[in-house]
Amino acid sequence: GTSFPGEISISQFEVNGRKTFIASIRDVTERKRAEEALRESEQRYRDIFNGVQDAIFVESRDLRILAVNDRACEMFGYSREEFLTKTVADLVPPGQPIMMGEADSISPTPIETYNLRANGERFPIEISGRMQTINGEDILLIIVRDITERKQAEDEIRRMKEFDETLLNNMSEGIVVQNADGYFIYANPAAAAMSGYPLEEFLGAHWTKYFPANQHEIIKKADDLRARGANSQYEIDFLHRNGKRVNILVSGSPILESGRFNGSIAVFTDISERKQAEEQIQRQLKRLNALRMIDIAISSSFDLTFILDIVLQHVLLQLGADAAAVLLLSPNLQTLEYAASLGFLSEAVRNANVKIGEGYAGRAVLERRLIHISRLMESKGELAEALRTANDGFADYYVAPLIVKGEVKGALEVYHRSDLDPDPEWLDFMETLAGQAAIAIDNAQLLVTIQRSNRELMTAYDATIAGWSHAMDLRDKETEGHTLRVTELTLLLAERMGINQQELIHMRRGALLHDIGKLGVPDHILLKSDTLTEEEWEIMRQHPTYAYEMLLPINYLHPALDIPHAHHEKWDGSGYPRKLKAEQIPLAARLFAVVDVWDALRSDRPYRGKWSVERTREYILEQSGKYFDPQVVAEFMRMLDEMPELI
């Protein structure tokens, strides 16, 4: 019941006058299968022919186009029908030779050239081909590939490469590539310039050639990091061909191939200027701090030895010198004499005594300028001779005058045992330090002058006070000598009560002036030998107020007012002139009151004889807590017991 393809042929003929048909059937199954296979094969090759991304041309020996695939139509912009009217020459730009136009030029190896599209656009191609014989006829099978995008990419790559090369060649940073063994296999001109070596000599060298041996460990650690795939960055010295060191910042990254370390690429940034700027900033900050410390010393102390020691410490520290000295000008002798020094191995500098205009320091002061002497030990003069004798070998010497407010105060000497080779900034700072030293000296000398004047003034004041006191004693013969006695006893008692020395000075003045107010009491009352009337007593009791009013305008005597104004006040408040009570009464007045009464009772008066020691002691003890401060009385009695010579 299986059907199969067949081929039937029928023949007609007559047999015995009758039409007869003979039919023959042929099984064509195999042929049909072959035809179907051929059809499928043709379709498959047609699909391949039209499906490839390259243009395919079938050409005759005379370069006529016999067939093209779909891609050729897309690439060139012609239809199949239009292509069949063309020759290869129609697809080639004018003046350009036809590639693979001859049998012997046909090659399967692609050749780059140009073709024309239907719109006249010239575009780059790769062409290859081969000769094929079909049905006894030679045909050319040509394959054309549009390489426009590839060419554009290549052009872009070339431009980028040129850009990269231009960039690398013009960068101020050095770029280097080293292999896994540490040899430089690439370097841009900047990297070679940093080393001072020609580029061709720089390449192929090992990194150890360009870095100090004592810093190799830094690079080895960085290489270890990069070998593990990590980036690294560090500052290091780069050795120049001339022996100098260049501060650089190295930023390195690993080169990995299939995950394996194959070397490093690094950027060298010259940070010498930055480091110099940082060092200069640090140096300036240190110098500013030094000036501040000197200013603090000047403002907090007038001890010239202490201040000059601070100045010299900073001279050595900030100027990098081995030793320094300060010489002071003696205006009367016109000589420079030793004041302070630091850093010397001998005492030779302490003997300095230089006349103005002589020696290096004398010249610096006379000419008011900084003087530099190199090779000091080989020079002539007393200074060099003294240093040679002391074996204090200095090579470099600088001296600057100490000037403040236009007046020379001395000289600052700086010594070093090798050449300092200072820059202008160093010299300026030395003169600044000299100026600070001059200010310190001026302040100290000014203080000495002020102290001398103050002592003279205080002596004059005290002499005046003593004169006033003596004048009072001369006016009132009854109390002659009383003022000095009570002053001495009051000060002794005050010391025992813990009064400080400064207060004792004011108490002394107050004691000497305790009766200054009596200058306002008329003679007929002050010198009256009889008992005073109530009205006269009223006037007499005004003398503390007179004293206060007389002394108050004198600022100098304000601290001494307590005794003149309050020595007649009583502990119980019954005194005068203000009826102060207990501790309202200034301590100085409480002390003086006890001593004043003691001396008065122990002295002869026209109206009575002096009291005995026992009677006077009894009276003062009896008045303790009434007239007198009990604590003061107790201490006064102890003083009399311990110092019987006072009785």
Foldseek 3Di string as FASTA:
>chain_A
DDDADKDKDWDWDDDPNHIDIDIDIGGCRVVVVVVVVVVVVVVVVLCVQQVDQWKKFKAALQQQTDFIHVNVCVVQVHDGVVSNVDGQVQFAPPPDDDQPSHQVRAAQAWDWDWTAHPVRDIFIWTKHWHWDADPNGIIIIMIIHGCRVVVVVVVVVVVVVVVVLVCQQPDCKKKFWAWLVQFTQDIHPNVCVLQQHPRVVNHRDGQVVFFDPVCVVVVVVQSVQQQVFDKDKDWGWTAHPVGDTFIWIKTKHFDDDPNGTTTIMIITHGCRVVVVVVVVVVLVVLLVVLLVVLVCPLVVDLPLAVSVVSLFVCLCVSLVFQKKFWWWADVVVQWTAGDDMPRFPDCLNNGGTGHQPDDPQNPQQNVQAKDKDFQLCPDDDDVNVSCVVVVRAFGIKMKGFQDDPRDTTTMMMTTHNDDSPDDPVSVVSVVVSSPSSSSSSVSSVVVVVVVVVVVVVVVVVVVVLLVLLCVVCVLAVQCNVVLVLLLVLLLVLVVVVPDDPVLNVLLSSLSSCQQVLCVVQDSCLRHPQDDDDPVSVVSVLCSLVSSCVVCVVPPVNPSNSLRNNQLQAFQCQPGDDVSDHHPVRPPSSLSSNLSSQLSVQQCQGSVGGHDDPVVSLVVSCVCDNPGHPVVSNVSSVVVCVVCVVSD
